[in-house]
Amino acid sequence: MSDPRDYKLDLSSARPVDRAPAARQPVARPFLSILFACCHVYTRVYRSRDATHYDAVCPRCGKRARFIVGPHGATSRAFVIE
């Protein structure tokens, strides 16, 4: 019986595809959850590049707070700034 199609694809000699290693998940950046009570606004604050502190700024009124990273720091990741 002949094949009515005008092409045939032979994959028997094709090389297997090299699978790229799974893309690494980006490392999660440490952050604090901050609620500015002054304006009832929540924001995330990410750690500084040198990993020494977190600088929080209220997006509405500009109130500032700095959280220092230290060996005996708080275990909480959420704070309210009055």
PDB file of N, CA and C in Angstrom:
ATOM      1  N   MET A   1       0.857  -1.166   0.000  1.00  0.00           N
ATOM      2  CA  MET A   1       0.000   0.000   0.000  1.00  0.00           C
ATOM      3  C   MET A   1       0.899   1.224   0.000  1.00  0.00           C
ATOM      4  N   SER A   2       0.672   2.138  -0.887  1.00  0.00           N
ATOM      5  CA  SER A   2       1.537   3.310  -0.971  1.00  0.00           C
ATOM      6  C   SER A   2       0.949   4.460  -0.157  1.00  0.00           C
ATOM      7  N   ASP A   3       1.839   5.336   0.276  1.00  0.00           N
ATOM      8  CA  ASP A   3       1.440   6.497   1.087  1.00  0.00           C
ATOM      9  C   ASP A   3       1.084   7.651   0.157  1.00  0.00           C
ATOM     10  N   PRO A   4      -0.136   8.199   0.253  1.00  0.00           N
ATOM     11  CA  PRO A   4      -0.534   9.276  -0.640  1.00  0.00           C
ATOM     12  C   PRO A   4       0.148  10.608  -0.323  1.00  0.00           C
ATOM     13  N   ARG A   5       0.758  10.708   0.846  1.00  0.00           N
ATOM     14  CA  ARG A   5       1.424  11.975   1.179  1.00  0.00           C
ATOM     15  C   ARG A   5       2.710  12.102   0.380  1.00  0.00           C
ATOM     16  N   ASP A   6       3.117  13.318   0.082  1.00  0.00           N
ATOM     17  CA  ASP A   6       4.305  13.521  -0.740  1.00  0.00           C
ATOM     18  C   ASP A   6       5.574  13.753   0.075  1.00  0.00           C
ATOM     19  N   TYR A   7       5.517  13.504   1.373  1.00  0.00           N
ATOM     20  CA  TYR A   7       6.720  13.663   2.187  1.00  0.00           C
ATOM     21  C   TYR A   7       6.753  12.577   3.247  1.00  0.00           C
ATOM     22  N   LYS A   8       7.955  12.285   3.694  1.00  0.00           N
ATOM     23  CA  LYS A   8       8.150  11.365   4.807  1.00  0.00           C
ATOM     24  C   LYS A   8       9.260  11.944   5.657  1.00  0.00           C
ATOM     25  N   LEU A   9       9.057  11.933   6.945  1.00  0.00           N
ATOM     26  CA  LEU A   9      10.020  12.497   7.879  1.00  0.00           C
ATOM     27  C   LEU A   9      10.633  11.364   8.675  1.00  0.00           C
ATOM     28  N   ASP A  10      11.934  11.213   8.554  1.00  0.00           N
ATOM     29  CA  ASP A  10      12.637  10.154   9.259  1.00  0.00           C
ATOM     30  C   ASP A  10      13.409  10.777  10.416  1.00  0.00           C
ATOM     31  N   LEU A  11      13.006  10.470  11.632  1.00  0.00           N
ATOM     32  CA  LEU A  11      13.668  11.009  12.823  1.00  0.00           C
ATOM     33  C   LEU A  11      14.569   9.985  13.498  1.00  0.00           C
ATOM     34  N   SER A  12      14.735   8.844  12.902  1.00  0.00           N
ATOM     35  CA  SER A  12      15.521   7.796  13.544  1.00  0.00           C
ATOM     36  C   SER A  12      16.984   8.177  13.716  1.00  0.00           C
ATOM     37  N   SER A  13      17.515   9.042  12.869  1.00  0.00           N
ATOM     38  CA  SER A  13      18.917   9.432  12.987  1.00  0.00           C
ATOM     39  C   SER A  13      19.101  10.781  13.683  1.00  0.00           C
ATOM     40  N   ALA A  14      18.026  11.381  14.121  1.00  0.00           N
ATOM     41  CA  ALA A  14      18.122  12.688  14.788  1.00  0.00           C
ATOM     42  C   ALA A  14      18.770  12.521  16.158  1.00  0.00           C
ATOM     43  N   ARG A  15      19.618  13.486  16.502  1.00  0.00           N
ATOM     44  CA  ARG A  15      20.259  13.457  17.818  1.00  0.00           C
ATOM     45  C   ARG A  15      19.239  13.832  18.891  1.00  0.00           C
ATOM     46  N   PRO A  16      19.379  13.258  20.073  1.00  0.00           N
ATOM     47  CA  PRO A  16      18.467  13.653  21.152  1.00  0.00           C
ATOM     48  C   PRO A  16      18.701  15.122  21.515  1.00  0.00           C
ATOM     49  N   VAL A  17      17.666  15.765  21.916  1.00  0.00           N
ATOM     50  CA  VAL A  17      17.742  17.178  22.286  1.00  0.00           C
ATOM     51  C   VAL A  17      18.398  17.292  23.650  1.00  0.00           C
ATOM     52  N   ASP A  18      19.409  18.156  23.740  1.00  0.00           N
ATOM     53  CA  ASP A  18      20.033  18.407  25.038  1.00  0.00           C
ATOM     54  C   ASP A  18      19.088  19.277  25.854  1.00  0.00           C
ATOM     55  N   ARG A  19      18.638  18.739  26.929  1.00  0.00           N
ATOM     56  CA  ARG A  19      17.741  19.493  27.796  1.00  0.00           C
ATOM     57  C   ARG A  19      18.574  20.431  28.662  1.00  0.00           C
ATOM     58  N   ALA A  20      18.243  21.696  28.607  1.00  0.00           N
ATOM     59  CA  ALA A  20      18.946  22.669  29.452  1.00  0.00           C
ATOM     60  C   ALA A  20      18.570  22.388  30.899  1.00  0.00           C
ATOM     61  N   PRO A  21      19.507  22.570  31.817  1.00  0.00           N
ATOM     62  CA  PRO A  21      19.151  22.365  33.223  1.00  0.00           C
ATOM     63  C   PRO A  21      18.020  23.307  33.603  1.00  0.00           C
ATOM     64  N   ALA A  22      17.195  22.827  34.477  1.00  0.00           N
ATOM     65  CA  ALA A  22      16.048  23.642  34.902  1.00  0.00           C
ATOM     66  C   ALA A  22      16.540  24.992  35.397  1.00  0.00           C
ATOM     67  N   ALA A  23      15.847  26.013  34.984  1.00  0.00           N
ATOM     68  CA  ALA A  23      16.234  27.365  35.395  1.00  0.00           C
ATOM     69  C   ALA A  23      16.164  27.463  36.914  1.00  0.00           C
ATOM     70  N   ARG A  24      17.180  28.048  37.468  1.00  0.00           N
ATOM     71  CA  ARG A  24      17.195  28.213  38.921  1.00  0.00           C
ATOM     72  C   ARG A  24      16.173  29.257  39.325  1.00  0.00           C
ATOM     73  N   GLN A  25      15.526  28.966  40.405  1.00  0.00           N
ATOM     74  CA  GLN A  25      14.582  29.938  40.943  1.00  0.00           C
ATOM     75  C   GLN A  25      15.385  31.089  41.532  1.00  0.00           C
ATOM     76  N   PRO A  26      14.945  32.316  41.292  1.00  0.00           N
ATOM     77  CA  PRO A  26      15.672  33.433  41.879  1.00  0.00           C
ATOM     78  C   PRO A  26      15.615  33.353  43.405  1.00  0.00           C
ATOM     79  N   VAL A  27      16.686  33.768  44.013  1.00  0.00           N
ATOM     80  CA  VAL A  27      16.748  33.757  45.466  1.00  0.00           C
ATOM     81  C   VAL A  27      15.793  34.820  45.987  1.00  0.00           C
ATOM     82  N   ALA A  28      14.943  34.420  46.904  1.00  0.00           N
ATOM     83  CA  ALA A  28      13.974  35.358  47.467  1.00  0.00           C
ATOM     84  C   ALA A  28      14.705  36.428  48.271  1.00  0.00           C
ATOM     85  N   ARG A  29      14.355  37.675  48.023  1.00  0.00           N
ATOM     86  CA  ARG A  29      14.968  38.775  48.766  1.00  0.00           C
ATOM     87  C   ARG A  29      14.254  38.935  50.099  1.00  0.00           C
ATOM     88  N   PRO A  30      15.001  39.040  51.185  1.00  0.00           N
ATOM     89  CA  PRO A  30      14.385  39.237  52.493  1.00  0.00           C
ATOM     90  C   PRO A  30      13.646  40.571  52.545  1.00  0.00           C
ATOM     91  N   PHE A  31      12.472  40.562  53.168  1.00  0.00           N
ATOM     92  CA  PHE A  31      11.712  41.798  53.295  1.00  0.00           C
ATOM     93  C   PHE A  31      10.973  41.824  54.625  1.00  0.00           C
ATOM     94  N   LEU A  32      10.569  43.009  55.028  1.00  0.00           N
ATOM     95  CA  LEU A  32       9.722  43.210  56.198  1.00  0.00           C
ATOM     96  C   LEU A  32       8.370  43.708  55.720  1.00  0.00           C
ATOM     97  N   SER A  33       7.325  43.323  56.433  1.00  0.00           N
ATOM     98  CA  SER A  33       5.982  43.841  56.171  1.00  0.00           C
ATOM     99  C   SER A  33       5.753  44.989  57.143  1.00  0.00           C
ATOM    100  N   ILE A  34       5.493  46.169  56.607  1.00  0.00           N
ATOM    101  CA  ILE A  34       5.356  47.364  57.434  1.00  0.00           C
ATOM    102  C   ILE A  34       3.973  47.965  57.233  1.00  0.00           C
ATOM    103  N   LEU A  35       3.296  48.245  58.347  1.00  0.00           N
ATOM    104  CA  LEU A  35       2.036  48.979  58.296  1.00  0.00           C
ATOM    105  C   LEU A  35       2.300  50.353  58.893  1.00  0.00           C
ATOM    106  N   PHE A  36       2.122  51.395  58.090  1.00  0.00           N
ATOM    107  CA  PHE A  36       2.244  52.762  58.580  1.00  0.00           C
ATOM    108  C   PHE A  36       0.881  53.170  59.115  1.00  0.00           C
ATOM    109  N   ALA A  37       0.758  53.223  60.452  1.00  0.00           N
ATOM    110  CA  ALA A  37      -0.521  53.557  61.080  1.00  0.00           C
ATOM    111  C   ALA A  37      -0.927  54.996  60.783  1.00  0.00           C
ATOM    112  N   CYS A  38       0.040  55.865  60.531  1.00  0.00           N
ATOM    113  CA  CYS A  38      -0.246  57.274  60.260  1.00  0.00           C
ATOM    114  C   CYS A  38      -1.174  57.443  59.062  1.00  0.00           C
ATOM    115  N   CYS A  39      -1.004  56.631  58.041  1.00  0.00           N
ATOM    116  CA  CYS A  39      -1.793  56.759  56.804  1.00  0.00           C
ATOM    117  C   CYS A  39      -2.547  55.475  56.456  1.00  0.00           C
ATOM    118  N   HIS A  40      -2.494  54.486  57.349  1.00  0.00           N
ATOM    119  CA  HIS A  40      -3.156  53.200  57.120  1.00  0.00           C
ATOM    120  C   HIS A  40      -2.706  52.586  55.790  1.00  0.00           C
ATOM    121  N   VAL A  41      -1.378  52.523  55.601  1.00  0.00           N
ATOM    122  CA  VAL A  41      -0.794  52.011  54.360  1.00  0.00           C
ATOM    123  C   VAL A  41       0.169  50.877  54.695  1.00  0.00           C
ATOM    124  N   TYR A  42       0.042  49.789  53.932  1.00  0.00           N
ATOM    125  CA  TYR A  42       0.955  48.653  54.071  1.00  0.00           C
ATOM    126  C   TYR A  42       1.998  48.729  52.958  1.00  0.00           C
ATOM    127  N   THR A  43       3.229  48.366  53.288  1.00  0.00           N
ATOM    128  CA  THR A  43       4.269  48.293  52.263  1.00  0.00           C
ATOM    129  C   THR A  43       5.268  47.199  52.622  1.00  0.00           C
ATOM    130  N   ARG A  44       5.980  46.743  51.624  1.00  0.00           N
ATOM    131  CA  ARG A  44       7.098  45.818  51.828  1.00  0.00           C
ATOM    132  C   ARG A  44       8.374  46.624  51.786  1.00  0.00           C
ATOM    133  N   VAL A  45       9.298  46.273  52.661  1.00  0.00           N
ATOM    134  CA  VAL A  45      10.591  46.951  52.696  1.00  0.00           C
ATOM    135  C   VAL A  45      11.661  45.881  52.525  1.00  0.00           C
ATOM    136  N   TYR A  46      12.498  46.040  51.509  1.00  0.00           N
ATOM    137  CA  TYR A  46      13.546  45.065  51.224  1.00  0.00           C
ATOM    138  C   TYR A  46      14.861  45.464  51.879  1.00  0.00           C
ATOM    139  N   ARG A  47      15.653  44.456  52.228  1.00  0.00           N
ATOM    140  CA  ARG A  47      16.936  44.667  52.893  1.00  0.00           C
ATOM    141  C   ARG A  47      17.887  45.415  51.967  1.00  0.00           C
ATOM    142  N   SER A  48      18.747  46.232  52.560  1.00  0.00           N
ATOM    143  CA  SER A  48      19.728  47.006  51.789  1.00  0.00           C
ATOM    144  C   SER A  48      20.712  46.068  51.093  1.00  0.00           C
ATOM    145  N   ARG A  49      21.384  46.594  50.075  1.00  0.00           N
ATOM    146  CA  ARG A  49      22.331  45.778  49.305  1.00  0.00           C
ATOM    147  C   ARG A  49      23.462  45.227  50.172  1.00  0.00           C
ATOM    148  N   ASP A  50      23.879  46.009  51.168  1.00  0.00           N
ATOM    149  CA  ASP A  50      24.966  45.536  52.031  1.00  0.00           C
ATOM    150  C   ASP A  50      24.458  44.690  53.203  1.00  0.00           C
ATOM    151  N   ALA A  51      23.153  44.401  53.237  1.00  0.00           N
ATOM    152  CA  ALA A  51      22.515  43.514  54.223  1.00  0.00           C
ATOM    153  C   ALA A  51      22.657  43.993  55.661  1.00  0.00           C
ATOM    154  N   THR A  52      22.711  45.314  55.879  1.00  0.00           N
ATOM    155  CA  THR A  52      22.871  45.833  57.237  1.00  0.00           C
ATOM    156  C   THR A  52      21.607  46.451  57.809  1.00  0.00           C
ATOM    157  N   HIS A  53      20.642  46.796  56.949  1.00  0.00           N
ATOM    158  CA  HIS A  53      19.444  47.473  57.445  1.00  0.00           C
ATOM    159  C   HIS A  53      18.298  47.416  56.439  1.00  0.00           C
ATOM    160  N   TYR A  54      17.123  47.837  56.921  1.00  0.00           N
ATOM    161  CA  TYR A  54      15.934  48.020  56.089  1.00  0.00           C
ATOM    162  C   TYR A  54      15.505  49.470  56.269  1.00  0.00           C
ATOM    163  N   ASP A  55      15.260  50.197  55.195  1.00  0.00           N
ATOM    164  CA  ASP A  55      14.770  51.577  55.267  1.00  0.00           C
ATOM    165  C   ASP A  55      13.318  51.605  54.821  1.00  0.00           C
ATOM    166  N   ALA A  56      12.438  52.009  55.728  1.00  0.00           N
ATOM    167  CA  ALA A  56      11.007  52.085  55.423  1.00  0.00           C
ATOM    168  C   ALA A  56      10.602  53.544  55.275  1.00  0.00           C
ATOM    169  N   VAL A  57       9.791  53.824  54.249  1.00  0.00           N
ATOM    170  CA  VAL A  57       9.284  55.174  54.008  1.00  0.00           C
ATOM    171  C   VAL A  57       7.799  55.059  53.690  1.00  0.00           C
ATOM    172  N   CYS A  58       6.972  55.812  54.425  1.00  0.00           N
ATOM    173  CA  CYS A  58       5.538  55.821  54.153  1.00  0.00           C
ATOM    174  C   CYS A  58       5.316  56.425  52.765  1.00  0.00           C
ATOM    175  N   PRO A  59       4.594  55.727  51.901  1.00  0.00           N
ATOM    176  CA  PRO A  59       4.391  56.239  50.546  1.00  0.00           C
ATOM    177  C   PRO A  59       3.469  57.457  50.477  1.00  0.00           C
ATOM    178  N   ARG A  60       2.742  57.747  51.551  1.00  0.00           N
ATOM    179  CA  ARG A  60       1.836  58.904  51.530  1.00  0.00           C
ATOM    180  C   ARG A  60       2.430  60.139  52.194  1.00  0.00           C
ATOM    181  N   CYS A  61       2.921  59.980  53.432  1.00  0.00           N
ATOM    182  CA  CYS A  61       3.383  61.174  54.159  1.00  0.00           C
ATOM    183  C   CYS A  61       4.905  61.284  54.242  1.00  0.00           C
ATOM    184  N   GLY A  62       5.632  60.219  53.892  1.00  0.00           N
ATOM    185  CA  GLY A  62       7.088  60.278  53.892  1.00  0.00           C
ATOM    186  C   GLY A  62       7.742  59.971  55.223  1.00  0.00           C
ATOM    187  N   LYS A  63       6.969  59.560  56.220  1.00  0.00           N
ATOM    188  CA  LYS A  63       7.551  59.194  57.514  1.00  0.00           C
ATOM    189  C   LYS A  63       8.563  58.072  57.301  1.00  0.00           C
ATOM    190  N   ARG A  64       9.690  58.153  58.011  1.00  0.00           N
ATOM    191  CA  ARG A  64      10.781  57.194  57.815  1.00  0.00           C
ATOM    192  C   ARG A  64      11.057  56.379  59.074  1.00  0.00           C
ATOM    193  N   ALA A  65      11.545  55.157  58.850  1.00  0.00           N
ATOM    194  CA  ALA A  65      11.992  54.291  59.940  1.00  0.00           C
ATOM    195  C   ALA A  65      13.107  53.410  59.392  1.00  0.00           C
ATOM    196  N   ARG A  66      14.084  53.116  60.223  1.00  0.00           N
ATOM    197  CA  ARG A  66      15.188  52.243  59.824  1.00  0.00           C
ATOM    198  C   ARG A  66      15.243  51.068  60.792  1.00  0.00           C
ATOM    199  N   PHE A  67      15.369  49.883  60.238  1.00  0.00           N
ATOM    200  CA  PHE A  67      15.490  48.658  61.011  1.00  0.00           C
ATOM    201  C   PHE A  67      16.892  48.118  60.776  1.00  0.00           C
ATOM    202  N   ILE A  68      17.669  48.018  61.842  1.00  0.00           N
ATOM    203  CA  ILE A  68      19.053  47.547  61.762  1.00  0.00           C
ATOM    204  C   ILE A  68      19.071  46.020  61.863  1.00  0.00           C
ATOM    205  N   VAL A  69      19.860  45.378  61.027  1.00  0.00           N
ATOM    206  CA  VAL A  69      20.028  43.926  61.066  1.00  0.00           C
ATOM    207  C   VAL A  69      21.149  43.622  62.050  1.00  0.00           C
ATOM    208  N   GLY A  70      20.873  42.739  62.993  1.00  0.00           N
ATOM    209  CA  GLY A  70      21.882  42.402  63.992  1.00  0.00           C
ATOM    210  C   GLY A  70      21.719  40.978  64.483  1.00  0.00           C
ATOM    211  N   PRO A  71      22.699  40.477  65.216  1.00  0.00           N
ATOM    212  CA  PRO A  71      22.662  39.084  65.670  1.00  0.00           C
ATOM    213  C   PRO A  71      21.559  38.801  66.687  1.00  0.00           C
ATOM    214  N   HIS A  72      21.128  39.802  67.439  1.00  0.00           N
ATOM    215  CA  HIS A  72      20.107  39.591  68.471  1.00  0.00           C
ATOM    216  C   HIS A  72      18.824  40.329  68.109  1.00  0.00           C
ATOM    217  N   GLY A  73      18.512  40.392  66.840  1.00  0.00           N
ATOM    218  CA  GLY A  73      17.345  41.127  66.363  1.00  0.00           C
ATOM    219  C   GLY A  73      16.040  40.398  66.618  1.00  0.00           C
ATOM    220  N   ALA A  74      14.961  41.006  66.176  1.00  0.00           N
ATOM    221  CA  ALA A  74      13.627  40.444  66.339  1.00  0.00           C
ATOM    222  C   ALA A  74      13.414  39.292  65.361  1.00  0.00           C
ATOM    223  N   THR A  75      12.585  38.358  65.745  1.00  0.00           N
ATOM    224  CA  THR A  75      12.243  37.254  64.853  1.00  0.00           C
ATOM    225  C   THR A  75      11.011  37.582  64.015  1.00  0.00           C
ATOM    226  N   SER A  76      10.314  38.633  64.374  1.00  0.00           N
ATOM    227  CA  SER A  76       9.120  39.035  63.635  1.00  0.00           C
ATOM    228  C   SER A  76       9.504  39.650  62.294  1.00  0.00           C
ATOM    229  N   ARG A  77       8.652  39.456  61.294  1.00  0.00           N
ATOM    230  CA  ARG A  77       8.878  40.044  59.973  1.00  0.00           C
ATOM    231  C   ARG A  77       7.831  41.104  59.664  1.00  0.00           C
ATOM    232  N   ALA A  78       6.908  41.367  60.610  1.00  0.00           N
ATOM    233  CA  ALA A  78       5.844  42.353  60.402  1.00  0.00           C
ATOM    234  C   ALA A  78       5.864  43.363  61.545  1.00  0.00           C
ATOM    235  N   PHE A  79       5.740  44.651  61.190  1.00  0.00           N
ATOM    236  CA  PHE A  79       5.801  45.720  62.179  1.00  0.00           C
ATOM    237  C   PHE A  79       4.764  46.784  61.868  1.00  0.00           C
ATOM    238  N   VAL A  80       4.345  47.489  62.925  1.00  0.00           N
ATOM    239  CA  VAL A  80       3.456  48.643  62.779  1.00  0.00           C
ATOM    240  C   VAL A  80       4.241  49.863  63.220  1.00  0.00           C
ATOM    241  N   ILE A  81       4.275  50.878  62.370  1.00  0.00           N
ATOM    242  CA  ILE A  81       4.944  52.129  62.712  1.00  0.00           C
ATOM    243  C   ILE A  81       3.860  53.136  63.042  1.00  0.00           C
ATOM    244  N   GLU A  82       3.878  53.606  64.281  1.00  0.00           N
ATOM    245  CA  GLU A  82       2.855  54.554  64.758  1.00  0.00           C
ATOM    246  C   GLU A  82       3.154  55.956  64.289  1.00  0.00           C
TER     247      GLU A  82
END
